[in-house]
């Protein structure tokens, strides 16, 4: 695939942080002592089921018993604890990640666009030490906009005229389509099978990205 820049999703594409995110959220929920949260337990499967959603959508899905105001308050508390927890403990980096990103960075500019909160991408960098390989990044916490609009804002900011988006979910695929760029399916992630006609290439593991963009 002949593009100048590669824009990556985070969760299910670069790493799987779901178990540690769940641990940090569970810790936060338990610390609140809120009667409305009695019996609520956050698991890795819960987190994987909402990966790719914006943070406000996640709050509605996981804490439907709370008012919107309380959802946002708890979300902010969970997010802050999550960022600190992941900076120290990280997530599971996909096999061959650093080698593949290093190879790709030699001939492409690399970027990240995620639906995460502010501080999450920075926590990833603090844990894995790979910030040097990326030119720029942007997230929902920065823009408050749908992922496709965040992609376009990143492209405008960095004067990107030729790019592909690498992600694992249907939402990633639709975001790339709306942003007007090709979509590469990280089939090793959380998203399962996607419509072949909307996919420009498929990576069964992260190392295959070197061949796709080689």
C-alpha atoms as a PDB file:
ATOM      1  CA  UNK A   1       0.000   0.000   0.000  1.00  0.00           C
ATOM      2  CA  UNK A   2       1.539   3.236  -1.181  1.00  0.00           C
ATOM      3  CA  UNK A   3       0.798   5.907   1.452  1.00  0.00           C
ATOM      4  CA  UNK A   4       3.012   8.503   3.102  1.00  0.00           C
ATOM      5  CA  UNK A   5       1.536   8.285   6.608  1.00  0.00           C
ATOM      6  CA  UNK A   6       0.050   5.531   8.786  1.00  0.00           C
ATOM      7  CA  UNK A   7      -2.485   6.377  11.495  1.00  0.00           C
ATOM      8  CA  UNK A   8      -3.033   3.773  14.214  1.00  0.00           C
ATOM      9  CA  UNK A   9      -5.869   2.993  16.553  1.00  0.00           C
ATOM     10  CA  UNK A  10      -4.716   2.044  20.081  1.00  0.00           C
ATOM     11  CA  UNK A  11      -6.680  -0.722  21.795  1.00  0.00           C
ATOM     12  CA  UNK A  12      -6.749  -3.985  19.875  1.00  0.00           C
ATOM     13  CA  UNK A  13      -4.224  -2.552  17.421  1.00  0.00           C
ATOM     14  CA  UNK A  14      -1.073  -1.599  19.351  1.00  0.00           C
ATOM     15  CA  UNK A  15      -1.818  -3.289  22.672  1.00  0.00           C
ATOM     16  CA  UNK A  16      -4.441  -4.988  24.834  1.00  0.00           C
ATOM     17  CA  UNK A  17      -4.778  -3.055  28.087  1.00  0.00           C
ATOM     18  CA  UNK A  18      -8.217  -4.404  28.987  1.00  0.00           C
ATOM     19  CA  UNK A  19      -7.256  -6.426  32.071  1.00  0.00           C
ATOM     20  CA  UNK A  20      -5.300  -3.596  33.675  1.00  0.00           C
ATOM     21  CA  UNK A  21      -7.921  -1.009  32.715  1.00  0.00           C
ATOM     22  CA  UNK A  22     -10.519  -3.236  34.399  1.00  0.00           C
ATOM     23  CA  UNK A  23      -8.334  -3.558  37.500  1.00  0.00           C
ATOM     24  CA  UNK A  24      -7.927   0.218  37.772  1.00  0.00           C
ATOM     25  CA  UNK A  25     -11.649   0.893  37.238  1.00  0.00           C
ATOM     26  CA  UNK A  26     -12.611  -1.787  39.760  1.00  0.00           C
ATOM     27  CA  UNK A  27     -10.272  -0.149  42.253  1.00  0.00           C
ATOM     28  CA  UNK A  28     -11.915   3.238  41.667  1.00  0.00           C
ATOM     29  CA  UNK A  29     -15.477   1.897  41.898  1.00  0.00           C
ATOM     30  CA  UNK A  30     -14.735   0.080  45.159  1.00  0.00           C
ATOM     31  CA  UNK A  31     -13.150   3.201  46.674  1.00  0.00           C
ATOM     32  CA  UNK A  32     -16.309   5.279  46.161  1.00  0.00           C
ATOM     33  CA  UNK A  33     -18.513   3.299  48.543  1.00  0.00           C
ATOM     34  CA  UNK A  34     -21.530   4.379  46.472  1.00  0.00           C
ATOM     35  CA  UNK A  35     -24.648   2.260  47.263  1.00  0.00           C
ATOM     36  CA  UNK A  36     -25.677   2.529  43.594  1.00  0.00           C
ATOM     37  CA  UNK A  37     -22.439   0.788  42.618  1.00  0.00           C
ATOM     38  CA  UNK A  38     -22.864  -2.085  45.058  1.00  0.00           C
ATOM     39  CA  UNK A  39     -22.589  -5.311  43.087  1.00  0.00           C
ATOM     40  CA  UNK A  40     -20.925  -3.614  40.109  1.00  0.00           C
ATOM     41  CA  UNK A  41     -17.721  -5.375  39.065  1.00  0.00           C
ATOM     42  CA  UNK A  42     -15.632  -4.373  36.052  1.00  0.00           C
ATOM     43  CA  UNK A  43     -13.903  -7.219  34.234  1.00  0.00           C
ATOM     44  CA  UNK A  44     -11.489  -7.398  31.327  1.00  0.00           C
ATOM     45  CA  UNK A  45     -14.334  -8.749  29.194  1.00  0.00           C
ATOM     46  CA  UNK A  46     -16.456  -5.714  30.093  1.00  0.00           C
ATOM     47  CA  UNK A  47     -13.665  -3.409  28.937  1.00  0.00           C
ATOM     48  CA  UNK A  48     -13.042  -5.366  25.726  1.00  0.00           C
ATOM     49  CA  UNK A  49     -16.753  -5.142  24.896  1.00  0.00           C
ATOM     50  CA  UNK A  50     -16.625  -1.319  24.892  1.00  0.00           C
ATOM     51  CA  UNK A  51     -13.175  -0.774  23.370  1.00  0.00           C
ATOM     52  CA  UNK A  52     -13.461   1.675  20.496  1.00  0.00           C
ATOM     53  CA  UNK A  53     -16.391   3.595  21.981  1.00  0.00           C
ATOM     54  CA  UNK A  54     -15.941   7.174  23.111  1.00  0.00           C
ATOM     55  CA  UNK A  55     -15.508   7.606  26.855  1.00  0.00           C
ATOM     56  CA  UNK A  56     -18.992   9.064  27.374  1.00  0.00           C
ATOM     57  CA  UNK A  57     -20.519   6.083  25.560  1.00  0.00           C
ATOM     58  CA  UNK A  58     -18.531   3.723  27.794  1.00  0.00           C
ATOM     59  CA  UNK A  59     -19.832   5.446  30.933  1.00  0.00           C
ATOM     60  CA  UNK A  60     -23.426   5.036  29.757  1.00  0.00           C
ATOM     61  CA  UNK A  61     -22.850   1.347  28.984  1.00  0.00           C
ATOM     62  CA  UNK A  62     -21.067   0.408  32.209  1.00  0.00           C
ATOM     63  CA  UNK A  63     -22.885   2.658  34.699  1.00  0.00           C
ATOM     64  CA  UNK A  64     -26.489   2.934  33.414  1.00  0.00           C
ATOM     65  CA  UNK A  65     -27.868   3.154  36.967  1.00  0.00           C
ATOM     66  CA  UNK A  66     -26.191   6.527  37.542  1.00  0.00           C
ATOM     67  CA  UNK A  67     -27.344   9.954  36.423  1.00  0.00           C
ATOM     68  CA  UNK A  68     -25.469  11.462  33.503  1.00  0.00           C
ATOM     69  CA  UNK A  69     -23.765  13.910  35.874  1.00  0.00           C
ATOM     70  CA  UNK A  70     -22.623  11.098  38.151  1.00  0.00           C
ATOM     71  CA  UNK A  71     -21.518   9.028  35.146  1.00  0.00           C
ATOM     72  CA  UNK A  72     -19.195  11.833  34.065  1.00  0.00           C
ATOM     73  CA  UNK A  73     -17.842  12.295  37.587  1.00  0.00           C
ATOM     74  CA  UNK A  74     -17.073   8.602  37.962  1.00  0.00           C
ATOM     75  CA  UNK A  75     -15.668   8.469  34.433  1.00  0.00           C
ATOM     76  CA  UNK A  76     -13.195  11.245  35.229  1.00  0.00           C
ATOM     77  CA  UNK A  77     -12.119   9.471  38.409  1.00  0.00           C
ATOM     78  CA  UNK A  78     -11.751   6.118  36.625  1.00  0.00           C
ATOM     79  CA  UNK A  79      -9.808   7.720  33.776  1.00  0.00           C
ATOM     80  CA  UNK A  80      -7.358   9.490  36.055  1.00  0.00           C
ATOM     81  CA  UNK A  81      -6.629   6.329  38.022  1.00  0.00           C
ATOM     82  CA  UNK A  82      -6.431   4.337  34.769  1.00  0.00           C
ATOM     83  CA  UNK A  83      -3.794   6.624  33.258  1.00  0.00           C
ATOM     84  CA  UNK A  84      -1.611   6.397  36.357  1.00  0.00           C
ATOM     85  CA  UNK A  85      -2.079   2.629  36.602  1.00  0.00           C
ATOM     86  CA  UNK A  86      -1.227   2.015  32.943  1.00  0.00           C
ATOM     87  CA  UNK A  87       1.816   4.293  32.978  1.00  0.00           C
ATOM     88  CA  UNK A  88       3.243   2.039  35.690  1.00  0.00           C
ATOM     89  CA  UNK A  89       1.825  -1.359  34.717  1.00  0.00           C
ATOM     90  CA  UNK A  90       1.023  -1.024  31.023  1.00  0.00           C
ATOM     91  CA  UNK A  91      -0.884  -3.546  28.958  1.00  0.00           C
ATOM     92  CA  UNK A  92      -0.013  -6.475  26.733  1.00  0.00           C
ATOM     93  CA  UNK A  93       1.999  -5.200  23.780  1.00  0.00           C
ATOM     94  CA  UNK A  94       1.362  -7.236  20.648  1.00  0.00           C
ATOM     95  CA  UNK A  95       4.262  -9.466  19.632  1.00  0.00           C
ATOM     96  CA  UNK A  96       6.659  -7.700  17.285  1.00  0.00           C
ATOM     97  CA  UNK A  97       5.224  -4.243  17.979  1.00  0.00           C
ATOM     98  CA  UNK A  98       8.445  -2.276  18.470  1.00  0.00           C
ATOM     99  CA  UNK A  99      10.256  -4.034  15.613  1.00  0.00           C
ATOM    100  CA  UNK A 100       7.358  -3.418  13.216  1.00  0.00           C
ATOM    101  CA  UNK A 101       6.868   0.223  14.202  1.00  0.00           C
ATOM    102  CA  UNK A 102      10.596   0.859  13.909  1.00  0.00           C
ATOM    103  CA  UNK A 103      10.625  -0.582  10.394  1.00  0.00           C
ATOM    104  CA  UNK A 104       7.554   1.409   9.349  1.00  0.00           C
ATOM    105  CA  UNK A 105       8.916   4.654  10.808  1.00  0.00           C
ATOM    106  CA  UNK A 106      11.913   4.468   8.498  1.00  0.00           C
ATOM    107  CA  UNK A 107       9.701   5.086   5.447  1.00  0.00           C
ATOM    108  CA  UNK A 108       6.452   6.537   6.862  1.00  0.00           C
ATOM    109  CA  UNK A 109       5.276   9.098   9.371  1.00  0.00           C
ATOM    110  CA  UNK A 110       3.371   7.318  12.154  1.00  0.00           C
ATOM    111  CA  UNK A 111       0.411   8.728  14.096  1.00  0.00           C
ATOM    112  CA  UNK A 112      -2.203   7.643  16.632  1.00  0.00           C
ATOM    113  CA  UNK A 113      -5.907   8.555  16.750  1.00  0.00           C
ATOM    114  CA  UNK A 114      -7.967   6.977  19.536  1.00  0.00           C
ATOM    115  CA  UNK A 115     -11.335   7.437  21.227  1.00  0.00           C
ATOM    116  CA  UNK A 116      -9.574   7.489  24.594  1.00  0.00           C
ATOM    117  CA  UNK A 117      -9.330  10.138  27.297  1.00  0.00           C
ATOM    118  CA  UNK A 118      -6.502  12.652  27.633  1.00  0.00           C
ATOM    119  CA  UNK A 119      -3.423  11.076  29.140  1.00  0.00           C
ATOM    120  CA  UNK A 120      -4.069   7.550  27.875  1.00  0.00           C
ATOM    121  CA  UNK A 121      -1.742   7.717  24.865  1.00  0.00           C
ATOM    122  CA  UNK A 122       0.872   9.381  27.057  1.00  0.00           C
ATOM    123  CA  UNK A 123       0.532   6.489  29.546  1.00  0.00           C
ATOM    124  CA  UNK A 124       1.148   4.052  26.682  1.00  0.00           C
ATOM    125  CA  UNK A 125       4.279   5.949  25.704  1.00  0.00           C
ATOM    126  CA  UNK A 126       5.507   6.160  29.297  1.00  0.00           C
ATOM    127  CA  UNK A 127       5.149   2.414  29.678  1.00  0.00           C
ATOM    128  CA  UNK A 128       6.573   1.244  26.341  1.00  0.00           C
ATOM    129  CA  UNK A 129       9.003   4.076  25.504  1.00  0.00           C
ATOM    130  CA  UNK A 130       8.000   4.268  21.816  1.00  0.00           C
ATOM    131  CA  UNK A 131       6.966   7.918  21.553  1.00  0.00           C
ATOM    132  CA  UNK A 132      10.091   8.549  19.456  1.00  0.00           C
ATOM    133  CA  UNK A 133       8.544   6.530  16.615  1.00  0.00           C
ATOM    134  CA  UNK A 134       5.440   8.727  16.262  1.00  0.00           C
ATOM    135  CA  UNK A 135       5.092  12.179  14.735  1.00  0.00           C
ATOM    136  CA  UNK A 136       1.850  13.188  16.461  1.00  0.00           C
ATOM    137  CA  UNK A 137      -1.312  11.878  18.120  1.00  0.00           C
ATOM    138  CA  UNK A 138      -4.838  13.036  18.905  1.00  0.00           C
ATOM    139  CA  UNK A 139      -7.755  11.574  20.856  1.00  0.00           C
ATOM    140  CA  UNK A 140     -11.404  12.079  21.777  1.00  0.00           C
ATOM    141  CA  UNK A 141     -10.286  13.665  25.042  1.00  0.00           C
ATOM    142  CA  UNK A 142      -8.558  16.383  23.012  1.00  0.00           C
ATOM    143  CA  UNK A 143     -11.321  17.063  20.482  1.00  0.00           C
ATOM    144  CA  UNK A 144     -14.609  15.729  21.864  1.00  0.00           C
ATOM    145  CA  UNK A 145     -15.423  14.745  18.283  1.00  0.00           C
ATOM    146  CA  UNK A 146     -16.162  11.446  16.505  1.00  0.00           C
ATOM    147  CA  UNK A 147     -13.072   9.504  15.496  1.00  0.00           C
ATOM    148  CA  UNK A 148     -13.375  10.318  11.793  1.00  0.00           C
ATOM    149  CA  UNK A 149     -13.356  14.041  12.549  1.00  0.00           C
ATOM    150  CA  UNK A 150     -10.375  13.600  14.862  1.00  0.00           C
ATOM    151  CA  UNK A 151      -8.570  11.790  12.041  1.00  0.00           C
ATOM    152  CA  UNK A 152      -9.249  14.699   9.700  1.00  0.00           C
ATOM    153  CA  UNK A 153      -8.075  17.230  12.307  1.00  0.00           C
ATOM    154  CA  UNK A 154      -4.833  15.297  12.774  1.00  0.00           C
ATOM    155  CA  UNK A 155      -4.336  15.134   9.014  1.00  0.00           C
ATOM    156  CA  UNK A 156      -4.920  18.862   8.623  1.00  0.00           C
ATOM    157  CA  UNK A 157      -2.595  19.688  11.512  1.00  0.00           C
ATOM    158  CA  UNK A 158       0.217  17.636  10.014  1.00  0.00           C
ATOM    159  CA  UNK A 159      -0.524  18.391   6.346  1.00  0.00           C
ATOM    160  CA  UNK A 160      -1.111  14.708   5.589  1.00  0.00           C
ATOM    161  CA  UNK A 161      -2.312  14.122   2.051  1.00  0.00           C
ATOM    162  CA  UNK A 162      -1.849  10.337   1.812  1.00  0.00           C
ATOM    163  CA  UNK A 163      -2.616   8.033   4.724  1.00  0.00           C
ATOM    164  CA  UNK A 164      -4.242   4.782   5.837  1.00  0.00           C
ATOM    165  CA  UNK A 165      -5.911   3.995   9.157  1.00  0.00           C
ATOM    166  CA  UNK A 166      -5.062   0.759  10.982  1.00  0.00           C
ATOM    167  CA  UNK A 167      -7.714  -0.469  13.421  1.00  0.00           C
ATOM    168  CA  UNK A 168      -9.569  -3.541  14.588  1.00  0.00           C
ATOM    169  CA  UNK A 169     -13.272  -2.685  14.926  1.00  0.00           C
ATOM    170  CA  UNK A 170     -16.216  -1.856  12.708  1.00  0.00           C
ATOM    171  CA  UNK A 171     -16.173   1.630  14.198  1.00  0.00           C
ATOM    172  CA  UNK A 172     -12.569   2.048  13.066  1.00  0.00           C
ATOM    173  CA  UNK A 173     -13.520   0.900   9.573  1.00  0.00           C
ATOM    174  CA  UNK A 174     -16.428   3.350   9.381  1.00  0.00           C
ATOM    175  CA  UNK A 175     -14.249   6.179  10.721  1.00  0.00           C
ATOM    176  CA  UNK A 176     -11.627   5.595   8.042  1.00  0.00           C
ATOM    177  CA  UNK A 177     -14.344   5.539   5.376  1.00  0.00           C
ATOM    178  CA  UNK A 178     -15.850   8.828   6.592  1.00  0.00           C
ATOM    179  CA  UNK A 179     -12.375  10.379   6.789  1.00  0.00           C
ATOM    180  CA  UNK A 180     -11.801   9.349   3.160  1.00  0.00           C
ATOM    181  CA  UNK A 181      -8.756   7.131   3.698  1.00  0.00           C
ATOM    182  CA  UNK A 182      -8.083   3.374   3.240  1.00  0.00           C
ATOM    183  CA  UNK A 183      -8.663   1.021   6.160  1.00  0.00           C
ATOM    184  CA  UNK A 184      -6.286  -1.764   7.176  1.00  0.00           C
ATOM    185  CA  UNK A 185      -7.929  -4.331   9.422  1.00  0.00           C
ATOM    186  CA  UNK A 186      -5.935  -5.436  12.473  1.00  0.00           C
ATOM    187  CA  UNK A 187      -7.671  -8.807  12.502  1.00  0.00           C
ATOM    188  CA  UNK A 188      -5.748  -9.890  15.594  1.00  0.00           C
ATOM    189  CA  UNK A 189      -7.633  -7.334  17.724  1.00  0.00           C
ATOM    190  CA  UNK A 190     -11.100  -7.192  19.269  1.00  0.00           C
ATOM    191  CA  UNK A 191     -13.327  -6.528  16.279  1.00  0.00           C
ATOM    192  CA  UNK A 192     -13.880  -9.914  14.641  1.00  0.00           C
ATOM    193  CA  UNK A 193     -14.716 -10.290  10.966  1.00  0.00           C
ATOM    194  CA  UNK A 194     -15.535  -7.182   8.943  1.00  0.00           C
ATOM    195  CA  UNK A 195     -16.989  -6.640   5.434  1.00  0.00           C
ATOM    196  CA  UNK A 196     -14.230  -7.435   2.949  1.00  0.00           C
ATOM    197  CA  UNK A 197     -15.392  -4.821   0.451  1.00  0.00           C
ATOM    198  CA  UNK A 198     -14.595  -2.006   2.901  1.00  0.00           C
ATOM    199  CA  UNK A 199     -11.114  -3.255   3.798  1.00  0.00           C
ATOM    200  CA  UNK A 200      -7.999  -2.387   1.809  1.00  0.00           C
ATOM    201  CA  UNK A 201      -5.773  -4.948   3.545  1.00  0.00           C
ATOM    202  CA  UNK A 202      -5.835  -7.409   6.451  1.00  0.00           C
ATOM    203  CA  UNK A 203      -3.079  -7.975   9.015  1.00  0.00           C
ATOM    204  CA  UNK A 204      -3.428 -11.265  10.903  1.00  0.00           C
ATOM    205  CA  UNK A 205      -0.643 -10.142  13.227  1.00  0.00           C
ATOM    206  CA  UNK A 206       1.111  -6.829  13.667  1.00  0.00           C
ATOM    207  CA  UNK A 207       4.274  -7.985  11.890  1.00  0.00           C
ATOM    208  CA  UNK A 208       2.314  -8.283   8.631  1.00  0.00           C
ATOM    209  CA  UNK A 209       1.973  -4.501   8.558  1.00  0.00           C
ATOM    210  CA  UNK A 210       5.600  -4.312   7.401  1.00  0.00           C
ATOM    211  CA  UNK A 211       4.611  -6.277   4.287  1.00  0.00           C
ATOM    212  CA  UNK A 212       1.395  -4.338   3.706  1.00  0.00           C
ATOM    213  CA  UNK A 213       3.154  -0.975   3.825  1.00  0.00           C
ATOM    214  CA  UNK A 214       6.527  -2.194   2.549  1.00  0.00           C
END
